[in-house]
Protein backbone atom coordinates (compact mmCIF):
# COMPACT_ATOMS: atom_id res chain seq x y z
CA MET A 1 -4.65 18.86 -12.02
CA GLY A 2 -3.02 16.40 -14.47
CA MET A 3 -4.21 12.99 -15.56
CA GLY A 4 -2.77 9.50 -15.36
CA CYS A 5 0.28 8.76 -17.50
CA ALA A 6 -0.71 7.12 -20.81
CA CYS A 7 1.98 4.42 -20.40
CA GLY A 8 -0.09 2.79 -17.66
CA CYS A 9 2.33 3.35 -14.79
CA GLY A 10 -0.33 4.94 -12.58
CA GLU A 11 1.72 8.10 -12.01
CA GLU A 12 0.14 11.46 -12.67
CA ALA A 13 1.31 13.40 -15.72
CA LYS A 14 1.70 17.17 -15.66
CA PRO A 15 -1.32 19.22 -16.80
CA ASN A 16 -1.81 19.14 -20.59
CA ARG A 17 0.61 16.18 -20.93
CA ARG A 18 -0.21 12.56 -21.79
CA PHE A 19 2.95 11.06 -20.24
CA VAL A 20 5.23 11.50 -17.26
CA HIS A 21 8.55 12.77 -18.68
CA GLY A 22 10.29 9.91 -20.55
CA HIS A 23 7.43 7.43 -20.27
CA ASN A 24 6.33 7.72 -23.90
CA ALA A 25 9.30 5.48 -24.87
CA ARG A 26 7.72 2.64 -22.87
CA LEU A 27 5.01 2.23 -25.50
CA GLN A 28 7.60 1.79 -28.25
CA THR A 29 9.11 -1.34 -26.65
CA PRO A 30 7.36 -4.66 -26.03
CA PRO A 31 5.61 -4.76 -22.64
CA TYR A 32 7.48 -7.92 -21.64
CA TRP A 33 10.81 -9.65 -22.06
CA VAL A 34 10.97 -13.40 -22.69
CA ASP A 35 13.42 -15.26 -20.45
CA PRO A 36 14.90 -17.88 -22.80
CA ASN A 37 15.84 -20.19 -19.91
CA ARG A 38 12.62 -20.22 -17.91
CA GLY A 39 10.07 -19.23 -20.56
CA CYS A 40 8.72 -16.43 -18.36
CA TRP A 41 7.30 -13.34 -20.03
CA LEU A 42 8.66 -10.72 -17.62
CA TRP A 43 6.58 -7.54 -17.40
CA GLN A 44 8.73 -4.50 -18.28
CA ARG A 45 6.37 -1.68 -17.46
CA ALA A 46 4.77 -0.41 -14.27
CA LEU A 47 4.80 -2.60 -11.15
CA SER A 48 2.61 -2.39 -8.08
CA GLU A 49 4.15 -2.20 -4.62
CA GLY A 50 3.81 -5.98 -4.42
CA ARG A 51 5.82 -6.23 -7.67
CA TYR A 52 2.88 -7.34 -9.80
CA GLY A 53 2.75 -5.98 -13.35
CA ILE A 54 0.06 -3.33 -13.72
CA MET A 55 -1.38 -1.81 -16.85
CA HIS A 56 -4.05 0.65 -17.89
CA VAL A 57 -7.00 -0.96 -19.66
CA PRO A 58 -9.25 1.54 -21.47
CA GLY A 59 -12.63 1.74 -19.78
CA GLU A 60 -11.42 -0.26 -16.76
CA GLY A 61 -8.47 1.70 -15.36
CA LEU A 62 -5.44 0.03 -13.77
CA ARG A 63 -5.44 -3.78 -13.69
CA MET A 64 -2.93 -6.47 -12.86
CA ALA A 65 -1.19 -7.47 -16.10
CA HIS A 66 -1.16 -11.21 -15.34
CA ARG A 67 -4.94 -11.20 -14.94
CA VAL A 68 -5.40 -9.30 -18.23
CA PHE A 69 -3.11 -11.71 -20.11
CA TYR A 70 -4.84 -14.73 -18.57
CA GLU A 71 -8.24 -13.46 -19.66
CA GLU A 72 -7.00 -12.58 -23.17
CA HIS A 73 -5.27 -15.93 -23.80
CA VAL A 74 -7.11 -18.47 -21.60
CA GLY A 75 -10.54 -17.01 -20.88
CA PRO A 76 -12.53 -15.53 -18.00
CA ILE A 77 -11.24 -16.09 -14.48
CA PRO A 78 -13.68 -18.49 -12.79
CA ALA A 79 -15.73 -16.96 -9.97
CA GLY A 80 -14.05 -17.36 -6.59
CA GLU A 81 -10.66 -18.25 -8.06
CA GLU A 82 -7.36 -16.38 -8.16
CA ILE A 83 -4.57 -16.42 -10.70
CA THR A 84 -1.25 -17.85 -9.53
CA TRP A 85 2.06 -18.64 -11.19
CA THR A 86 3.39 -22.13 -11.84
CA CYS A 87 6.83 -20.51 -12.28
CA GLY A 88 6.58 -18.59 -8.98
CA ASN A 89 7.47 -15.26 -10.61
CA ARG A 90 4.95 -12.49 -9.91
CA SER A 91 6.17 -10.34 -12.80
CA CYS A 92 5.56 -13.19 -15.30
CA ILE A 93 2.56 -12.79 -17.61
CA ASN A 94 3.04 -15.93 -19.75
CA PRO A 95 -0.44 -17.50 -19.93
CA ALA A 96 1.19 -20.97 -19.87
CA HIS A 97 2.61 -20.10 -16.43
CA LEU A 98 -0.70 -18.85 -15.02
CA GLU A 99 -3.43 -20.93 -13.44
CA ALA A 100 -6.75 -20.23 -11.77
CA VAL A 101 -7.00 -21.80 -8.30
CA SER A 102 -9.13 -21.40 -5.20
CA ARG A 103 -8.06 -19.15 -2.32
CA ARG A 104 -7.62 -22.27 -0.21
CA ILE A 105 -4.93 -23.56 -2.59
CA VAL A 106 -3.22 -20.16 -2.65
CA VAL A 107 -3.02 -20.16 1.15
CA ARG A 108 -1.81 -23.76 1.25
CA ARG A 109 0.99 -23.03 -1.21
CA GLY A 110 2.07 -20.06 0.83
CA ARG A 111 3.18 -16.68 -0.33
CA ALA A 112 6.93 -17.21 -0.16
CA THR A 113 8.62 -17.87 -3.46
CA LYS A 114 11.52 -20.26 -3.10
CA LEU A 115 14.67 -20.17 -5.16
CA SER A 116 16.18 -23.42 -6.38
CA ALA A 117 19.88 -24.12 -5.89
CA GLU A 118 20.36 -23.33 -9.59
CA ASP A 119 18.51 -20.01 -9.14
CA ILE A 120 20.76 -19.13 -6.19
CA ARG A 121 23.89 -19.81 -8.25
CA THR A 122 22.50 -17.74 -11.13
CA VAL A 123 21.59 -14.86 -8.80
CA ARG A 124 25.11 -14.80 -7.39
CA VAL A 125 26.76 -14.85 -10.82
CA LEU A 126 24.53 -12.06 -12.12
CA TRP A 127 25.11 -10.03 -8.94
CA ARG A 128 28.89 -10.41 -9.28
CA ASP A 129 28.52 -9.23 -12.89
CA GLY A 130 26.90 -6.02 -11.64
CA MET A 131 23.15 -6.68 -11.80
CA THR A 132 21.35 -4.76 -9.04
CA ASP A 133 19.41 -6.36 -6.20
CA GLU A 134 16.24 -4.70 -7.47
CA THR A 135 16.65 -6.08 -11.01
CA LEU A 136 17.40 -9.57 -9.69
CA ALA A 137 14.40 -9.46 -7.36
CA ARG A 138 12.14 -8.43 -10.22
CA HIS A 139 13.53 -11.10 -12.53
CA PHE A 140 13.20 -13.95 -10.01
CA GLY A 141 9.95 -12.73 -8.47
CA VAL A 142 11.26 -12.42 -4.92
CA SER A 143 11.94 -9.54 -2.54
CA THR A 144 15.14 -7.51 -2.56
CA THR A 145 15.65 -8.71 1.00
CA ARG A 146 15.67 -12.30 -0.26
CA ILE A 147 18.19 -11.38 -2.98
CA ARG A 148 20.43 -9.69 -0.40
CA GLN A 149 20.35 -12.85 1.72
CA VAL A 150 21.50 -14.87 -1.27
CA THR A 151 24.13 -12.44 -2.56
CA ARG A 152 25.61 -11.74 0.86
CA GLY A 153 25.97 -15.45 1.74
CA LYS A 154 23.28 -15.51 4.43
CA ASP A 155 21.13 -18.07 2.65
CA ALA A 156 20.34 -21.02 4.89
CA GLY A 157 21.89 -24.23 3.63
CA THR A 158 24.08 -22.68 0.96
CA THR A 159 27.15 -20.62 1.72
CA PHE A 160 28.48 -18.00 -0.63
CA GLU A 161 31.59 -20.10 -1.28
CA ASP A 162 29.51 -23.13 -2.38
CA CYS A 163 28.53 -21.45 -5.64
């Protein structure tokens, strides 16, 4: 039986191989892309099913990238607190966009990430220019279903023609 891919994706490599085919190139590029408009550091490697960045940490296994970056740049996560995003983008790992808060605050804020009117216009322009729903969802930290609502003009309060 093989072992986990050395790029940190969590997939299993073939026996006697360090990487899943093609994944070695991932280590040659930066692990994140900086969005010049929003300042988000967008994780470019493996994502969990919930679209959180994940990475392999030697001696610890797979961890959420935003938690690792918070601990490296800010310090230990206080007991009983969770890391959330001030930017609302779950693939962002910019320590300036991460904050430790209680579970109560997380629940109060809700799980839904909202898009501003400007975000909706940007999504539609990028979609018309050929960007995929999946790429847009990853970039804005929302579900592909939410992107499809926006790009297909089913967004409440804003029609496709408005933008």
